Amino acid sequence: MTQPDSQPASLTRRALLRSGLGTAALLVPALPAMAAPAEFEAWRDGFRARALAKGISQSTWTRVMARLEPDMTVFKEMRNQPEFKEQLWQYVNRRVSDWRVINGKIALKQNEALFARIEKDFGVERGTLLALWGVESAFGDPLVQQNHMRPVFPALAALAWNEPRRKAYWETELTNALKIVDRGWSTPEEMRGSWAGAMGHTQWMPEVWLNVGFDYDGDGKINPFGRPDDALGSTARYLVNRGKYHRGEHWGYEVRAPGNMSGSRSYATWQAAGITRADGEPFPQPSASAQLWIPVEGGPAFLLGPNFYSVKSYNPAMSYALAICHLGDRILGAPPFLQPFPGSERALTLAEVQEMQKRLTAAGFDTGGTDGRVGNDTMKAIRDFQAKAGIAPADGYGGLKVLAKLRQGG
């Protein structure tokens, strides 16, 4: 199988897991993957006193930290952020993939009662949570956890010791992770996540686990792993408490806009100004407020309500929020955007992605699997193929042009 997608992330949730660290990566010393140097031992001695002063027990310290070696590969991960820059339509196509739409419908069918309960308790639409779940962990696929996650303590310790821009932040998150073990909520062995410490179905940082997570399935533990109840219920609470999610409102709509106007107005006021839904349907809550956004001139336009910005609180990128909101709609049966982005291609079908992966693999470009998911392995294979075939830019985007070239024999 292929790796899960990479995308920008929030300081409040995952501390620049991917996008923000692109700049920080330039400041990180080129450290090899090897045993910790003496400087780490000195830092650990100092951190021990700070951790114990914040209530971490000596037994937890000894269990987790006494013999820990930092995961030096995190610095390579930071330096090796994706080299290509996706256009918005590429970003959306890759995340709103046929694989996610199909498997999102399956996940909804398997967890219908859970999503109904969340909607009743928090008012968060099932489509939004399904999309977050799909993008963050491929709907909790255990192979993602097994093959693409790592122990978080060695990773966080390395960052807290030697990430120059946000040492205090990483040290706080390492302390938070120790608190989770100290409370008996989890074990160091279970706590596997991204190289920056995000864990579980919806990728919680330790701070979110401690302060937002709660026991939604009533088993006596707060757990982002295993059954999805705690992860999805707590993520809904995150969107309500930190994102100010509005119960009963949709995130927004694709619209036909005669001009690019600014300001926050009611849907009724926007309609009076000549802006209508692209599908011709009426706005169901004309008194609710929204803002007009035209991300690319000549492309689709959107009226964005408060719940779009609630999703954006989970990850500060407008592209991420748009992809999540659109994926949620698609899982629930909505069509693709009616107005295409300029210069865009339609997204490949699941069968076409699988064909592309099989052809790349046969040509010597390892995609890590042919399951129809486009993750980091497939993107690297595409980028290498593009470079060899003279396709510019070699941006790692697998679309109709790449598939056509593969069908021609490269």
Protein backbone atom coordinates (compact mmCIF):
# COMPACT_ATOMS: atom_id res chain seq x y z
CA MET A 1 0.00 0.00 0.00
CA THR A 2 1.05 3.60 -0.40
CA GLN A 3 1.79 6.11 2.29
CA PRO A 4 -0.85 8.56 3.54
CA ASP A 5 -0.84 12.04 2.03
CA SER A 6 1.23 14.90 3.37
CA GLN A 7 -0.41 18.29 3.89
CA PRO A 8 0.11 21.46 5.93
CA ALA A 9 -0.92 21.37 9.60
CA SER A 10 -1.74 23.64 12.49
CA LEU A 11 0.56 24.97 15.19
CA THR A 12 -2.21 24.46 17.74
CA ARG A 13 -2.74 20.87 16.70
CA ARG A 14 0.37 19.40 15.16
CA ALA A 15 3.04 22.07 15.34
CA LEU A 16 3.86 22.59 11.70
CA LEU A 17 4.05 18.89 11.03
CA ARG A 18 4.66 19.34 7.39
CA SER A 19 4.23 22.71 5.69
CA GLY A 20 5.69 25.12 8.22
CA LEU A 21 8.70 22.93 8.75
CA GLY A 22 9.69 23.38 5.14
CA THR A 23 11.43 26.59 6.20
CA ALA A 24 12.62 25.20 9.50
CA ALA A 25 14.21 22.34 7.63
CA LEU A 26 16.73 24.72 6.13
CA LEU A 27 17.94 25.54 9.63
CA VAL A 28 18.29 21.97 10.86
CA PRO A 29 21.85 20.61 10.97
CA ALA A 30 22.50 17.68 8.68
CA LEU A 31 22.63 15.02 11.39
CA PRO A 32 23.01 11.38 10.38
CA ALA A 33 20.86 8.58 11.71
CA MET A 34 23.16 7.36 14.49
CA ALA A 35 23.44 7.05 18.28
CA ALA A 36 22.86 10.21 20.26
CA PRO A 37 25.87 12.47 20.80
CA ALA A 38 26.93 13.72 24.21
CA GLU A 39 24.97 16.94 23.72
CA PHE A 40 21.73 14.93 23.84
CA GLU A 41 22.73 13.40 27.18
CA ALA A 42 23.32 16.88 28.60
CA TRP A 43 19.95 18.07 27.29
CA ARG A 44 18.21 15.01 28.73
CA ASP A 45 19.68 15.68 32.17
CA GLY A 46 18.31 19.22 32.09
CA PHE A 47 14.96 18.14 30.71
CA ARG A 48 14.58 15.52 33.44
CA ALA A 49 14.55 18.22 36.11
CA ARG A 50 12.01 20.29 34.14
CA ALA A 51 9.76 17.29 33.53
CA LEU A 52 9.77 16.19 37.17
CA ALA A 53 9.02 19.78 38.22
CA LYS A 54 5.92 19.62 35.99
CA GLY A 55 4.64 16.53 37.77
CA ILE A 56 6.06 13.66 35.74
CA SER A 57 6.80 10.77 38.08
CA GLN A 58 10.27 9.35 38.42
CA SER A 59 8.98 5.91 37.45
CA THR A 60 7.51 7.22 34.17
CA TRP A 61 10.69 9.14 33.45
CA THR A 62 12.79 6.03 33.97
CA ARG A 63 10.43 3.85 31.94
CA VAL A 64 10.30 6.16 28.93
CA MET A 65 13.38 8.36 28.89
CA ALA A 66 16.22 6.75 30.82
CA ARG A 67 17.57 4.69 27.92
CA LEU A 68 15.87 6.45 25.04
CA GLU A 69 17.89 7.28 21.93
CA PRO A 70 16.60 10.16 19.82
CA ASP A 71 15.16 9.32 16.42
CA MET A 72 17.70 11.19 14.32
CA THR A 73 15.80 10.44 11.11
CA VAL A 74 13.29 13.17 11.97
CA PHE A 75 15.81 15.73 10.76
CA LYS A 76 16.03 13.98 7.41
CA GLU A 77 12.24 14.03 7.26
CA MET A 78 12.27 17.75 7.94
CA ARG A 79 14.84 18.41 5.22
CA ASN A 80 13.05 16.18 2.73
CA GLN A 81 9.69 17.86 2.54
CA PRO A 82 7.90 17.33 -0.80
CA GLU A 83 9.84 19.13 -3.50
CA PHE A 84 6.91 19.92 -5.73
CA LYS A 85 4.28 22.58 -5.27
CA GLU A 86 0.79 21.51 -6.15
CA GLN A 87 -1.67 23.78 -7.83
CA LEU A 88 -4.97 23.97 -5.96
CA TRP A 89 -6.79 21.69 -8.39
CA GLN A 90 -4.02 19.12 -8.06
CA TYR A 91 -4.16 19.32 -4.28
CA VAL A 92 -7.92 18.84 -4.26
CA ASN A 93 -7.87 16.04 -6.85
CA ARG A 94 -5.27 14.06 -4.93
CA ARG A 95 -7.16 14.25 -1.63
CA VAL A 96 -10.67 13.99 -3.06
CA SER A 97 -9.69 10.78 -4.76
CA ASP A 98 -11.91 8.00 -6.03
CA TRP A 99 -10.34 5.70 -3.42
CA ARG A 100 -11.35 8.01 -0.56
CA VAL A 101 -14.86 8.58 -1.89
CA ILE A 102 -15.48 4.84 -2.28
CA ASN A 103 -13.95 3.89 1.06
CA GLY A 104 -15.61 6.82 2.79
CA LYS A 105 -19.00 5.41 1.81
CA ILE A 106 -17.95 2.05 3.22
CA ALA A 107 -16.71 3.64 6.45
CA LEU A 108 -20.00 5.50 6.84
CA LYS A 109 -22.02 2.34 6.34
CA GLN A 110 -19.91 0.52 8.94
CA ASN A 111 -20.17 3.36 11.47
CA GLU A 112 -23.62 4.81 10.76
CA ALA A 113 -24.71 4.76 14.42
CA LEU A 114 -21.50 6.47 15.55
CA PHE A 115 -21.85 9.34 13.08
CA ALA A 116 -25.54 9.75 13.94
CA ARG A 117 -24.61 9.99 17.61
CA ILE A 118 -21.87 12.57 16.91
CA GLU A 119 -24.27 14.68 14.85
CA LYS A 120 -26.77 14.60 17.70
CA ASP A 121 -24.22 15.38 20.41
CA PHE A 122 -22.08 17.98 18.60
CA GLY A 123 -23.90 18.99 15.42
CA VAL A 124 -20.84 18.26 13.25
CA GLU A 125 -21.79 16.91 9.84
CA ARG A 126 -20.74 13.34 9.17
CA GLY A 127 -19.20 14.29 5.84
CA THR A 128 -16.67 16.59 7.50
CA LEU A 129 -15.53 13.94 9.98
CA LEU A 130 -15.43 11.22 7.33
CA ALA A 131 -13.19 13.42 5.19
CA LEU A 132 -10.86 14.24 8.07
CA TRP A 133 -10.63 10.57 8.94
CA GLY A 134 -9.92 9.61 5.35
CA VAL A 135 -7.21 12.19 4.77
CA GLU A 136 -5.50 11.77 8.13
CA SER A 137 -5.31 7.97 8.40
CA ALA A 138 -7.06 6.38 5.41
CA PHE A 139 -10.06 5.65 7.66
CA GLY A 140 -7.89 4.08 10.34
CA ASP A 141 -6.19 1.57 8.07
CA PRO A 142 -3.98 -0.52 10.40
CA LEU A 143 -1.36 -0.84 7.66
CA VAL A 144 -0.84 2.94 7.81
CA GLN A 145 -0.19 2.61 11.54
CA GLN A 146 2.06 -0.40 11.07
CA ASN A 147 4.11 0.69 8.08
CA HIS A 148 4.22 4.47 8.20
CA MET A 149 4.15 5.44 11.86
CA ARG A 150 7.00 5.42 14.35
CA PRO A 151 7.46 5.58 18.15
CA VAL A 152 6.70 9.16 19.12
CA PHE A 153 9.01 9.49 22.13
CA PRO A 154 12.31 9.16 20.23
CA ALA A 155 10.96 11.55 17.59
CA LEU A 156 9.74 14.18 20.05
CA ALA A 157 12.93 13.90 22.10
CA ALA A 158 15.05 14.57 19.01
CA LEU A 159 12.95 17.61 18.11
CA ALA A 160 12.89 18.94 21.68
CA TRP A 161 16.66 18.60 21.90
CA ASN A 162 17.77 19.92 18.53
CA GLU A 163 15.05 21.56 16.43
CA PRO A 164 16.28 25.15 16.55
CA ARG A 165 13.13 27.14 15.89
CA ARG A 166 10.62 25.64 18.33
CA LYS A 167 12.56 23.76 20.98
CA ALA A 168 10.19 24.97 23.72
CA TYR A 169 7.15 23.78 21.77
CA TRP A 170 8.57 20.32 21.17
CA GLU A 171 9.69 20.02 24.77
CA THR A 172 6.16 20.87 25.90
CA GLU A 173 4.72 18.22 23.62
CA LEU A 174 7.23 15.68 24.89
CA THR A 175 6.13 16.54 28.43
CA ASN A 176 2.49 16.14 27.37
CA ALA A 177 3.28 12.69 25.95
CA LEU A 178 4.93 11.73 29.25
CA LYS A 179 1.81 12.89 31.10
CA ILE A 180 -0.30 10.53 28.97
CA VAL A 181 1.86 7.59 30.06
CA ASP A 182 1.94 8.86 33.65
CA ARG A 183 -1.87 8.86 33.75
CA GLY A 184 -2.01 5.32 32.44
CA TRP A 185 -3.85 6.36 29.29
CA SER A 186 -1.36 4.65 26.98
CA THR A 187 2.05 3.03 26.75
CA PRO A 188 5.23 4.09 24.95
CA GLU A 189 4.83 1.03 22.72
CA GLU A 190 1.31 1.98 21.64
CA MET A 191 2.18 5.63 21.05
CA ARG A 192 3.23 5.47 17.42
CA GLY A 193 2.59 8.37 15.08
CA SER A 194 4.05 10.73 12.51
CA TRP A 195 7.65 11.88 12.77
CA ALA A 196 6.34 14.98 14.55
CA GLY A 197 4.25 13.08 17.10
CA ALA A 198 0.69 13.14 15.73
CA MET A 199 -1.20 9.96 16.56
CA GLY A 200 -4.23 7.87 15.75
CA HIS A 201 -7.26 8.01 13.49
CA THR A 202 -7.36 11.80 13.27
CA GLN A 203 -3.73 12.56 14.13
CA TRP A 204 -3.79 14.05 17.62
CA MET A 205 -0.78 15.80 19.03
CA PRO A 206 -0.22 14.97 22.74
CA GLU A 207 -1.68 18.35 23.74
CA VAL A 208 -4.92 17.56 21.94
CA TRP A 209 -5.05 14.09 23.51
CA LEU A 210 -4.71 15.63 26.97
CA ASN A 211 -6.98 18.64 26.62
CA VAL A 212 -9.60 17.78 24.00
CA GLY A 213 -9.74 14.00 23.89
CA PHE A 214 -12.40 12.24 25.93
CA ASP A 215 -13.82 8.78 26.46
CA TYR A 216 -16.63 8.70 23.89
CA ASP A 217 -17.03 4.93 23.79
CA GLY A 218 -17.22 4.57 27.58
CA ASP A 219 -14.47 1.98 27.94
CA GLY A 220 -12.65 3.93 30.65
CA LYS A 221 -9.81 5.16 28.42
CA ILE A 222 -9.21 8.12 26.12
CA ASN A 223 -7.65 6.61 23.06
CA PRO A 224 -7.04 7.87 19.49
CA PHE A 225 -6.22 4.31 18.41
CA GLY A 226 -8.37 1.19 18.14
CA ARG A 227 -12.09 1.85 17.84
CA PRO A 228 -12.68 5.22 16.13
CA ASP A 229 -15.24 6.48 18.66
CA ASP A 230 -12.89 8.48 20.89
CA ALA A 231 -10.96 9.91 17.95
CA LEU A 232 -14.01 11.01 15.96
CA GLY A 233 -16.04 12.20 18.94
CA SER A 234 -13.11 14.19 20.29
CA THR A 235 -12.36 15.65 16.88
CA ALA A 236 -15.97 16.83 16.67
CA ARG A 237 -15.52 18.46 20.07
CA TYR A 238 -12.31 20.09 18.81
CA LEU A 239 -14.18 21.59 15.85
CA VAL A 240 -16.91 22.92 18.15
CA ASN A 241 -14.72 24.22 20.98
CA ARG A 242 -11.71 25.49 19.10
CA GLY A 243 -13.18 25.95 15.64
CA LYS A 244 -16.54 27.41 16.75
CA TYR A 245 -18.48 24.99 14.56
CA HIS A 246 -22.12 26.03 13.94
CA ARG A 247 -24.63 23.24 14.45
CA GLY A 248 -26.95 22.73 11.50
CA GLU A 249 -25.02 24.81 8.97
CA HIS A 250 -23.28 23.52 5.89
CA TRP A 251 -19.67 24.61 5.32
CA GLY A 252 -20.60 26.58 2.20
CA TYR A 253 -21.42 26.19 -1.48
CA GLU A 254 -19.94 26.48 -4.93
CA VAL A 255 -21.54 29.54 -6.50
CA ARG A 256 -21.80 31.56 -9.68
CA ALA A 257 -20.36 34.98 -8.91
CA PRO A 258 -20.49 37.98 -11.29
CA GLY A 259 -17.57 39.62 -9.47
CA ASN A 260 -15.13 39.23 -6.62
CA MET A 261 -16.79 41.04 -3.72
CA SER A 262 -15.56 41.10 -0.15
CA GLY A 263 -17.09 41.07 3.29
CA SER A 264 -19.29 38.78 5.33
CA ARG A 265 -22.97 38.89 4.42
CA SER A 266 -26.01 36.68 4.70
CA TYR A 267 -26.72 34.23 1.92
CA ALA A 268 -29.85 36.24 1.13
CA THR A 269 -27.78 39.39 0.70
CA TRP A 270 -25.31 37.62 -1.52
CA GLN A 271 -28.17 36.30 -3.63
CA ALA A 272 -29.58 39.79 -3.96
CA ALA A 273 -26.16 40.84 -5.27
CA GLY A 274 -26.43 38.26 -8.05
CA ILE A 275 -24.58 35.33 -6.51
CA THR A 276 -26.37 31.98 -6.81
CA ARG A 277 -25.53 28.36 -6.10
CA ALA A 278 -23.76 26.67 -9.01
CA ASP A 279 -26.26 23.82 -8.97
CA GLY A 280 -29.21 26.21 -9.10
CA GLU A 281 -30.61 25.11 -5.74
CA PRO A 282 -31.70 27.69 -3.13
CA PHE A 283 -29.59 28.47 -0.09
CA PRO A 284 -31.25 26.46 2.71
CA GLN A 285 -30.40 29.02 5.44
CA PRO A 286 -30.63 32.44 3.80
CA SER A 287 -29.99 34.30 7.07
CA ALA A 288 -26.68 32.51 7.80
CA SER A 289 -23.50 34.42 7.01
CA ALA A 290 -20.79 33.61 4.47
CA GLN A 291 -17.79 35.10 2.71
CA LEU A 292 -17.05 34.96 -1.01
CA TRP A 293 -13.83 33.24 -2.06
CA ILE A 294 -12.55 32.89 -5.61
CA PRO A 295 -9.25 31.06 -5.15
CA VAL A 296 -8.23 31.10 -8.82
CA GLU A 297 -9.50 33.60 -11.36
CA GLY A 298 -11.71 31.77 -13.83
CA GLY A 299 -12.14 28.79 -11.52
CA PRO A 300 -14.92 27.83 -9.15
CA ALA A 301 -16.17 30.40 -6.64
CA PHE A 302 -17.40 29.64 -3.15
CA LEU A 303 -19.46 31.14 -0.39
CA LEU A 304 -17.77 29.99 2.81
CA GLY A 305 -19.65 29.77 6.09
CA PRO A 306 -18.23 29.53 9.63
CA ASN A 307 -17.88 25.76 9.42
CA PHE A 308 -15.35 26.03 6.60
CA TYR A 309 -13.20 28.07 8.97
CA SER A 310 -13.84 25.54 11.72
CA VAL A 311 -12.16 22.93 9.50
CA LYS A 312 -9.40 25.46 8.85
CA SER A 313 -8.78 25.61 12.61
CA TYR A 314 -7.78 21.95 12.38
CA ASN A 315 -5.25 22.82 9.70
CA PRO A 316 -4.56 26.43 8.66
CA ALA A 317 -4.35 25.88 4.89
CA MET A 318 -7.30 27.05 2.79
CA SER A 319 -6.50 24.26 0.33
CA TYR A 320 -6.76 21.64 3.09
CA ALA A 321 -10.09 23.00 4.31
CA LEU A 322 -11.50 23.07 0.78
CA ALA A 323 -10.36 19.51 0.12
CA ILE A 324 -11.88 18.25 3.38
CA CYS A 325 -15.20 20.01 2.81
CA HIS A 326 -15.44 18.87 -0.81
CA LEU A 327 -14.43 15.30 0.04
CA GLY A 328 -17.14 15.19 2.70
CA ASP A 329 -19.72 16.29 0.14
CA ARG A 330 -18.48 13.77 -2.42
CA ILE A 331 -18.67 10.88 0.06
CA LEU A 332 -22.29 11.86 0.70
CA GLY A 333 -23.08 11.82 -3.02
CA ALA A 334 -22.39 15.33 -4.35
CA PRO A 335 -20.75 15.77 -7.77
CA PRO A 336 -17.33 17.32 -8.49
CA PHE A 337 -17.12 21.09 -8.73
CA LEU A 338 -19.25 22.27 -11.64
CA GLN A 339 -16.81 25.00 -12.73
CA PRO A 340 -13.37 23.52 -13.49
CA PHE A 341 -10.14 25.19 -12.46
CA PRO A 342 -8.25 26.74 -15.40
CA GLY A 343 -5.83 24.26 -16.92
CA SER A 344 -7.05 21.45 -14.70
CA GLU A 345 -7.53 17.77 -15.45
CA ARG A 346 -10.32 15.68 -14.06
CA ALA A 347 -9.27 13.39 -11.26
CA LEU A 348 -8.34 9.86 -12.23
CA THR A 349 -10.75 7.07 -11.41
CA LEU A 350 -9.70 4.35 -9.00
CA ALA A 351 -9.07 1.97 -11.92
CA GLU A 352 -6.95 4.58 -13.69
CA VAL A 353 -4.83 5.23 -10.60
CA GLN A 354 -4.26 1.50 -10.21
CA GLU A 355 -3.31 1.23 -13.88
CA MET A 356 -0.86 4.12 -13.46
CA GLN A 357 0.70 2.46 -10.41
CA LYS A 358 1.03 -0.88 -12.21
CA ARG A 359 2.62 0.74 -15.26
CA LEU A 360 5.02 2.75 -13.09
CA THR A 361 6.01 -0.36 -11.16
CA ALA A 362 6.54 -2.33 -14.36
CA ALA A 363 8.74 0.51 -15.65
CA GLY A 364 10.93 0.31 -12.55
CA PHE A 365 9.37 3.08 -10.47
CA ASP A 366 8.24 1.59 -7.18
CA THR A 367 4.88 2.99 -6.03
CA GLY A 368 4.81 0.95 -2.81
CA GLY A 369 1.64 -0.80 -3.93
CA THR A 370 -1.12 -0.68 -6.52
CA ASP A 371 -4.14 -0.08 -4.33
CA GLY A 372 -5.31 3.14 -5.95
CA ARG A 373 -4.08 5.46 -3.20
CA VAL A 374 -1.70 8.23 -4.17
CA GLY A 375 0.68 8.76 -1.28
CA ASN A 376 4.32 9.69 -0.90
CA ASP A 377 5.69 6.54 -2.56
CA THR A 378 3.51 6.94 -5.63
CA MET A 379 4.30 10.65 -5.88
CA LYS A 380 8.03 9.95 -5.79
CA ALA A 381 7.62 7.29 -8.47
CA ILE A 382 5.66 9.74 -10.63
CA ARG A 383 8.22 12.49 -10.10
CA ASP A 384 11.08 10.16 -11.07
CA PHE A 385 9.18 8.98 -14.14
CA GLN A 386 8.43 12.56 -15.18
CA ALA A 387 12.10 13.50 -14.86
CA LYS A 388 13.21 10.50 -16.93
CA ALA A 389 10.52 11.04 -19.56
CA GLY A 390 11.27 14.75 -19.87
CA ILE A 391 7.87 15.85 -18.55
CA ALA A 392 8.07 19.33 -17.07
CA PRO A 393 7.45 20.21 -14.40
CA ALA A 394 8.37 16.98 -12.61
CA ASP A 395 5.84 17.81 -9.92
CA GLY A 396 4.79 14.35 -8.78
CA TYR A 397 1.18 14.81 -9.84
CA GLY A 398 -0.31 11.70 -11.42
CA GLY A 399 -3.01 12.74 -13.83
CA LEU A 400 -4.25 12.07 -17.31
CA LYS A 401 -1.06 13.35 -18.97
CA VAL A 402 1.16 11.05 -16.95
CA LEU A 403 -1.12 8.08 -17.59
CA ALA A 404 -1.18 8.82 -21.33
CA LYS A 405 2.63 8.94 -21.43
CA LEU A 406 2.83 5.64 -19.55
CA ARG A 407 0.41 4.04 -22.02
CA GLN A 408 2.69 5.16 -24.85
CA GLY A 409 5.51 3.27 -23.20
CA GLY A 410 7.12 6.24 -21.42
